[in-house]
Amino acid sequence: MNQELTYETAYNELQEIAAEIENEAVSVDLLAEKVKRAAVLIEFCQQKLRATEAEVNNIIKQMEGKGEK
């Protein structure tokens, strides 16, 4: 994948992997590979959510600080 991974593309790929596994559309030979990829995507999504939460909290703090002046 040459394009930069985004939360949306990671989430969509996770949904595809989950559907394949639930529908038993993944061969045993590829199952471990799919689970490893899912683990990478989950970690990416968690990091993205944490970073976004921190950024939003900083913006809120800045806005609250301006209101006190």
PDB file of N, CA and C in Angstrom:
ATOM      1  N   MET A   1       0.851  -1.184   0.000  1.00  0.00           N
ATOM      2  CA  MET A   1       0.000   0.000   0.000  1.00  0.00           C
ATOM      3  C   MET A   1       0.891   1.239   0.000  1.00  0.00           C
ATOM      4  N   ASN A   2       0.870   1.989  -1.087  1.00  0.00           N
ATOM      5  CA  ASN A   2       1.729   3.153  -1.214  1.00  0.00           C
ATOM      6  C   ASN A   2       1.128   4.391  -0.578  1.00  0.00           C
ATOM      7  N   GLN A   3      -0.180   4.486  -0.539  1.00  0.00           N
ATOM      8  CA  GLN A   3      -0.800   5.668   0.042  1.00  0.00           C
ATOM      9  C   GLN A   3      -0.735   5.606   1.561  1.00  0.00           C
ATOM     10  N   GLU A   4      -0.749   6.773   2.170  1.00  0.00           N
ATOM     11  CA  GLU A   4      -0.689   6.843   3.626  1.00  0.00           C
ATOM     12  C   GLU A   4      -1.958   6.255   4.232  1.00  0.00           C
ATOM     13  N   LEU A   5      -1.769   5.458   5.252  1.00  0.00           N
ATOM     14  CA  LEU A   5      -2.898   4.826   5.921  1.00  0.00           C
ATOM     15  C   LEU A   5      -3.667   5.865   6.729  1.00  0.00           C
ATOM     16  N   THR A   6      -4.969   5.864   6.588  1.00  0.00           N
ATOM     17  CA  THR A   6      -5.822   6.749   7.369  1.00  0.00           C
ATOM     18  C   THR A   6      -6.686   5.890   8.284  1.00  0.00           C
ATOM     19  N   TYR A   7      -7.305   6.540   9.260  1.00  0.00           N
ATOM     20  CA  TYR A   7      -8.184   5.819  10.169  1.00  0.00           C
ATOM     21  C   TYR A   7      -9.302   5.141   9.386  1.00  0.00           C
ATOM     22  N   GLU A   8      -9.872   5.861   8.451  1.00  0.00           N
ATOM     23  CA  GLU A   8     -11.005   5.327   7.685  1.00  0.00           C
ATOM     24  C   GLU A   8     -10.610   4.096   6.866  1.00  0.00           C
ATOM     25  N   THR A   9      -9.468   4.164   6.184  1.00  0.00           N
ATOM     26  CA  THR A   9      -9.054   3.012   5.381  1.00  0.00           C
ATOM     27  C   THR A   9      -8.690   1.834   6.272  1.00  0.00           C
ATOM     28  N   ALA A  10      -8.058   2.099   7.406  1.00  0.00           N
ATOM     29  CA  ALA A  10      -7.714   1.023   8.344  1.00  0.00           C
ATOM     30  C   ALA A  10      -8.977   0.373   8.891  1.00  0.00           C
ATOM     31  N   TYR A  11      -9.950   1.194   9.271  1.00  0.00           N
ATOM     32  CA  TYR A  11     -11.207   0.682   9.813  1.00  0.00           C
ATOM     33  C   TYR A  11     -11.955  -0.158   8.773  1.00  0.00           C
ATOM     34  N   ASN A  12     -11.984   0.338   7.542  1.00  0.00           N
ATOM     35  CA  ASN A  12     -12.656  -0.404   6.465  1.00  0.00           C
ATOM     36  C   ASN A  12     -11.974  -1.740   6.202  1.00  0.00           C
ATOM     37  N   GLU A  13     -10.649  -1.740   6.216  1.00  0.00           N
ATOM     38  CA  GLU A  13      -9.924  -2.994   6.005  1.00  0.00           C
ATOM     39  C   GLU A  13     -10.189  -3.966   7.153  1.00  0.00           C
ATOM     40  N   LEU A  14     -10.256  -3.435   8.376  1.00  0.00           N
ATOM     41  CA  LEU A  14     -10.592  -4.279   9.527  1.00  0.00           C
ATOM     42  C   LEU A  14     -11.968  -4.909   9.369  1.00  0.00           C
ATOM     43  N   GLN A  15     -12.929  -4.133   8.901  1.00  0.00           N
ATOM     44  CA  GLN A  15     -14.274  -4.665   8.675  1.00  0.00           C
ATOM     45  C   GLN A  15     -14.254  -5.784   7.635  1.00  0.00           C
ATOM     46  N   GLU A  16     -13.476  -5.601   6.571  1.00  0.00           N
ATOM     47  CA  GLU A  16     -13.365  -6.626   5.528  1.00  0.00           C
ATOM     48  C   GLU A  16     -12.752  -7.908   6.087  1.00  0.00           C
ATOM     49  N   ILE A  17     -11.691  -7.763   6.874  1.00  0.00           N
ATOM     50  CA  ILE A  17     -11.036  -8.930   7.461  1.00  0.00           C
ATOM     51  C   ILE A  17     -11.996  -9.658   8.395  1.00  0.00           C
ATOM     52  N   ALA A  18     -12.703  -8.895   9.231  1.00  0.00           N
ATOM     53  CA  ALA A  18     -13.656  -9.509  10.163  1.00  0.00           C
ATOM     54  C   ALA A  18     -14.752 -10.261   9.408  1.00  0.00           C
ATOM     55  N   ALA A  19     -15.257  -9.663   8.345  1.00  0.00           N
ATOM     56  CA  ALA A  19     -16.311 -10.317   7.556  1.00  0.00           C
ATOM     57  C   ALA A  19     -15.793 -11.602   6.911  1.00  0.00           C
ATOM     58  N   GLU A  20     -14.578 -11.554   6.389  1.00  0.00           N
ATOM     59  CA  GLU A  20     -13.997 -12.755   5.775  1.00  0.00           C
ATOM     60  C   GLU A  20     -13.856 -13.875   6.800  1.00  0.00           C
ATOM     61  N   ILE A  21     -13.386 -13.524   7.989  1.00  0.00           N
ATOM     62  CA  ILE A  21     -13.201 -14.532   9.035  1.00  0.00           C
ATOM     63  C   ILE A  21     -14.551 -15.076   9.501  1.00  0.00           C
ATOM     64  N   GLU A  22     -15.524 -14.176   9.714  1.00  0.00           N
ATOM     65  CA  GLU A  22     -16.856 -14.604  10.165  1.00  0.00           C
ATOM     66  C   GLU A  22     -17.531 -15.511   9.137  1.00  0.00           C
ATOM     67  N   ASN A  23     -17.333 -15.211   7.862  1.00  0.00           N
ATOM     68  CA  ASN A  23     -17.954 -15.998   6.792  1.00  0.00           C
ATOM     69  C   ASN A  23     -17.118 -17.211   6.408  1.00  0.00           C
ATOM     70  N   GLU A  24     -16.052 -17.416   7.138  1.00  0.00           N
ATOM     71  CA  GLU A  24     -15.123 -18.525   6.880  1.00  0.00           C
ATOM     72  C   GLU A  24     -14.606 -18.489   5.446  1.00  0.00           C
ATOM     73  N   ALA A  25     -14.402 -17.279   4.934  1.00  0.00           N
ATOM     74  CA  ALA A  25     -13.900 -17.097   3.575  1.00  0.00           C
ATOM     75  C   ALA A  25     -12.376 -17.044   3.533  1.00  0.00           C
ATOM     76  N   VAL A  26     -11.734 -17.190   4.686  1.00  0.00           N
ATOM     77  CA  VAL A  26     -10.279 -17.147   4.759  1.00  0.00           C
ATOM     78  C   VAL A  26      -9.765 -18.566   4.928  1.00  0.00           C
ATOM     79  N   SER A  27      -8.855 -18.935   4.056  1.00  0.00           N
ATOM     80  CA  SER A  27      -8.283 -20.277   4.173  1.00  0.00           C
ATOM     81  C   SER A  27      -7.397 -20.348   5.406  1.00  0.00           C
ATOM     82  N   VAL A  28      -7.205 -21.523   5.902  1.00  0.00           N
ATOM     83  CA  VAL A  28      -6.355 -21.734   7.081  1.00  0.00           C
ATOM     84  C   VAL A  28      -4.947 -21.216   6.806  1.00  0.00           C
ATOM     85  N   ASP A  29      -4.505 -21.341   5.572  1.00  0.00           N
ATOM     86  CA  ASP A  29      -3.170 -20.880   5.200  1.00  0.00           C
ATOM     87  C   ASP A  29      -3.011 -19.364   5.339  1.00  0.00           C
ATOM     88  N   LEU A  30      -4.088 -18.625   5.161  1.00  0.00           N
ATOM     89  CA  LEU A  30      -4.031 -17.161   5.236  1.00  0.00           C
ATOM     90  C   LEU A  30      -4.536 -16.603   6.558  1.00  0.00           C
ATOM     91  N   LEU A  31      -5.115 -17.431   7.392  1.00  0.00           N
ATOM     92  CA  LEU A  31      -5.739 -16.952   8.623  1.00  0.00           C
ATOM     93  C   LEU A  31      -4.754 -16.211   9.524  1.00  0.00           C
ATOM     94  N   ALA A  32      -3.592 -16.779   9.766  1.00  0.00           N
ATOM     95  CA  ALA A  32      -2.606 -16.127  10.632  1.00  0.00           C
ATOM     96  C   ALA A  32      -2.182 -14.779  10.053  1.00  0.00           C
ATOM     97  N   GLU A  33      -2.014 -14.723   8.728  1.00  0.00           N
ATOM     98  CA  GLU A  33      -1.632 -13.475   8.072  1.00  0.00           C
ATOM     99  C   GLU A  33      -2.718 -12.403   8.257  1.00  0.00           C
ATOM    100  N   LYS A  34      -3.970 -12.801   8.104  1.00  0.00           N
ATOM    101  CA  LYS A  34      -5.084 -11.861   8.265  1.00  0.00           C
ATOM    102  C   LYS A  34      -5.181 -11.368   9.717  1.00  0.00           C
ATOM    103  N   VAL A  35      -4.981 -12.269  10.667  1.00  0.00           N
ATOM    104  CA  VAL A  35      -5.049 -11.884  12.081  1.00  0.00           C
ATOM    105  C   VAL A  35      -3.905 -10.930  12.427  1.00  0.00           C
ATOM    106  N   LYS A  36      -2.715 -11.184  11.897  1.00  0.00           N
ATOM    107  CA  LYS A  36      -1.578 -10.286  12.131  1.00  0.00           C
ATOM    108  C   LYS A  36      -1.858  -8.904  11.555  1.00  0.00           C
ATOM    109  N   ARG A  37      -2.411  -8.864  10.345  1.00  0.00           N
ATOM    110  CA  ARG A  37      -2.736  -7.584   9.717  1.00  0.00           C
ATOM    111  C   ARG A  37      -3.795  -6.848  10.543  1.00  0.00           C
ATOM    112  N   ALA A  38      -4.780  -7.582  11.021  1.00  0.00           N
ATOM    113  CA  ALA A  38      -5.822  -6.975  11.851  1.00  0.00           C
ATOM    114  C   ALA A  38      -5.219  -6.377  13.112  1.00  0.00           C
ATOM    115  N   ALA A  39      -4.262  -7.061  13.729  1.00  0.00           N
ATOM    116  CA  ALA A  39      -3.617  -6.554  14.940  1.00  0.00           C
ATOM    117  C   ALA A  39      -2.886  -5.240  14.661  1.00  0.00           C
ATOM    118  N   VAL A  40      -2.207  -5.170  13.514  1.00  0.00           N
ATOM    119  CA  VAL A  40      -1.516  -3.937  13.120  1.00  0.00           C
ATOM    120  C   VAL A  40      -2.522  -2.805  12.919  1.00  0.00           C
ATOM    121  N   LEU A  41      -3.619  -3.104  12.251  1.00  0.00           N
ATOM    122  CA  LEU A  41      -4.641  -2.093  11.985  1.00  0.00           C
ATOM    123  C   LEU A  41      -5.307  -1.613  13.272  1.00  0.00           C
ATOM    124  N   ILE A  42      -5.563  -2.529  14.189  1.00  0.00           N
ATOM    125  CA  ILE A  42      -6.176  -2.155  15.467  1.00  0.00           C
ATOM    126  C   ILE A  42      -5.255  -1.229  16.238  1.00  0.00           C
ATOM    127  N   GLU A  43      -3.974  -1.558  16.288  1.00  0.00           N
ATOM    128  CA  GLU A  43      -3.006  -0.703  16.994  1.00  0.00           C
ATOM    129  C   GLU A  43      -2.944   0.678  16.350  1.00  0.00           C
ATOM    130  N   PHE A  44      -2.941   0.724  15.015  1.00  0.00           N
ATOM    131  CA  PHE A  44      -2.926   2.005  14.309  1.00  0.00           C
ATOM    132  C   PHE A  44      -4.154   2.838  14.673  1.00  0.00           C
ATOM    133  N   CYS A  45      -5.323   2.216  14.654  1.00  0.00           N
ATOM    134  CA  CYS A  45      -6.568   2.922  14.974  1.00  0.00           C
ATOM    135  C   CYS A  45      -6.563   3.429  16.415  1.00  0.00           C
ATOM    136  N   GLN A  46      -6.083   2.615  17.337  1.00  0.00           N
ATOM    137  CA  GLN A  46      -6.025   3.035  18.742  1.00  0.00           C
ATOM    138  C   GLN A  46      -5.101   4.236  18.902  1.00  0.00           C
ATOM    139  N   GLN A  47      -3.938   4.207  18.245  1.00  0.00           N
ATOM    140  CA  GLN A  47      -3.009   5.328  18.330  1.00  0.00           C
ATOM    141  C   GLN A  47      -3.614   6.593  17.729  1.00  0.00           C
ATOM    142  N   LYS A  48      -4.301   6.433  16.622  1.00  0.00           N
ATOM    143  CA  LYS A  48      -4.928   7.580  15.961  1.00  0.00           C
ATOM    144  C   LYS A  48      -6.004   8.191  16.852  1.00  0.00           C
ATOM    145  N   LEU A  49      -6.806   7.340  17.497  1.00  0.00           N
ATOM    146  CA  LEU A  49      -7.853   7.831  18.393  1.00  0.00           C
ATOM    147  C   LEU A  49      -7.250   8.540  19.602  1.00  0.00           C
ATOM    148  N   ARG A  50      -6.177   7.977  20.176  1.00  0.00           N
ATOM    149  CA  ARG A  50      -5.524   8.625  21.325  1.00  0.00           C
ATOM    150  C   ARG A  50      -4.952   9.982  20.937  1.00  0.00           C
ATOM    151  N   ALA A  51      -4.305  10.052  19.771  1.00  0.00           N
ATOM    152  CA  ALA A  51      -3.723  11.310  19.304  1.00  0.00           C
ATOM    153  C   ALA A  51      -4.812  12.349  19.053  1.00  0.00           C
ATOM    154  N   THR A  52      -5.908  11.926  18.458  1.00  0.00           N
ATOM    155  CA  THR A  52      -7.017  12.842  18.190  1.00  0.00           C
ATOM    156  C   THR A  52      -7.633  13.335  19.491  1.00  0.00           C
ATOM    157  N   GLU A  53      -7.805  12.447  20.458  1.00  0.00           N
ATOM    158  CA  GLU A  53      -8.360  12.837  21.757  1.00  0.00           C
ATOM    159  C   GLU A  53      -7.462  13.870  22.435  1.00  0.00           C
ATOM    160  N   ALA A  54      -6.151  13.649  22.400  1.00  0.00           N
ATOM    161  CA  ALA A  54      -5.218  14.598  23.017  1.00  0.00           C
ATOM    162  C   ALA A  54      -5.290  15.949  22.322  1.00  0.00           C
ATOM    163  N   GLU A  55      -5.367  15.948  21.006  1.00  0.00           N
ATOM    164  CA  GLU A  55      -5.438  17.193  20.258  1.00  0.00           C
ATOM    165  C   GLU A  55      -6.727  17.960  20.569  1.00  0.00           C
ATOM    166  N   VAL A  56      -7.844  17.248  20.612  1.00  0.00           N
ATOM    167  CA  VAL A  56      -9.123  17.887  20.938  1.00  0.00           C
ATOM    168  C   VAL A  56      -9.084  18.458  22.359  1.00  0.00           C
ATOM    169  N   ASN A  57      -8.536  17.707  23.302  1.00  0.00           N
ATOM    170  CA  ASN A  57      -8.433  18.196  24.680  1.00  0.00           C
ATOM    171  C   ASN A  57      -7.578  19.456  24.756  1.00  0.00           C
ATOM    172  N   ASN A  58      -6.491  19.508  23.994  1.00  0.00           N
ATOM    173  CA  ASN A  58      -5.654  20.706  23.970  1.00  0.00           C
ATOM    174  C   ASN A  58      -6.409  21.903  23.402  1.00  0.00           C
ATOM    175  N   ILE A  59      -7.178  21.674  22.366  1.00  0.00           N
ATOM    176  CA  ILE A  59      -7.963  22.762  21.764  1.00  0.00           C
ATOM    177  C   ILE A  59      -8.991  23.275  22.769  1.00  0.00           C
ATOM    178  N   ILE A  60      -9.646  22.366  23.462  1.00  0.00           N
ATOM    179  CA  ILE A  60     -10.644  22.765  24.471  1.00  0.00           C
ATOM    180  C   ILE A  60      -9.990  23.575  25.576  1.00  0.00           C
ATOM    181  N   LYS A  61      -8.820  23.135  26.048  1.00  0.00           N
ATOM    182  CA  LYS A  61      -8.099  23.871  27.093  1.00  0.00           C
ATOM    183  C   LYS A  61      -7.733  25.272  26.615  1.00  0.00           C
ATOM    184  N   GLN A  62      -7.276  25.383  25.365  1.00  0.00           N
ATOM    185  CA  GLN A  62      -6.933  26.691  24.818  1.00  0.00           C
ATOM    186  C   GLN A  62      -8.159  27.591  24.737  1.00  0.00           C
ATOM    187  N   MET A  63      -9.286  27.032  24.347  1.00  0.00           N
ATOM    188  CA  MET A  63     -10.514  27.816  24.238  1.00  0.00           C
ATOM    189  C   MET A  63     -10.984  28.260  25.626  1.00  0.00           C
ATOM    190  N   GLU A  64     -10.880  27.374  26.607  1.00  0.00           N
ATOM    191  CA  GLU A  64     -11.269  27.728  27.974  1.00  0.00           C
ATOM    192  C   GLU A  64     -10.357  28.786  28.535  1.00  0.00           C
ATOM    193  N   GLY A  65      -9.076  28.726  28.207  1.00  0.00           N
ATOM    194  CA  GLY A  65      -8.112  29.718  28.686  1.00  0.00           C
ATOM    195  C   GLY A  65      -8.387  31.091  28.110  1.00  0.00           C
ATOM    196  N   LYS A  66      -8.819  31.157  26.877  1.00  0.00           N
ATOM    197  CA  LYS A  66      -9.126  32.444  26.246  1.00  0.00           C
ATOM    198  C   LYS A  66     -10.381  33.063  26.848  1.00  0.00           C
ATOM    199  N   GLY A  67     -11.308  32.212  27.297  1.00  0.00           N
ATOM    200  CA  GLY A  67     -12.546  32.711  27.873  1.00  0.00           C
ATOM    201  C   GLY A  67     -12.340  33.309  29.250  1.00  0.00           C
ATOM    202  N   GLU A  68     -11.284  32.909  29.940  1.00  0.00           N
ATOM    203  CA  GLU A  68     -11.018  33.398  31.301  1.00  0.00           C
ATOM    204  C   GLU A  68     -10.342  34.756  31.303  1.00  0.00           C
ATOM    205  N   LYS A  69      -9.759  35.163  30.188  1.00  0.00           N
ATOM    206  CA  LYS A  69      -9.009  36.440  30.137  1.00  0.00           C
ATOM    207  C   LYS A  69      -9.896  37.626  30.011  1.00  0.00           C
TER     208      LYS A  69
END
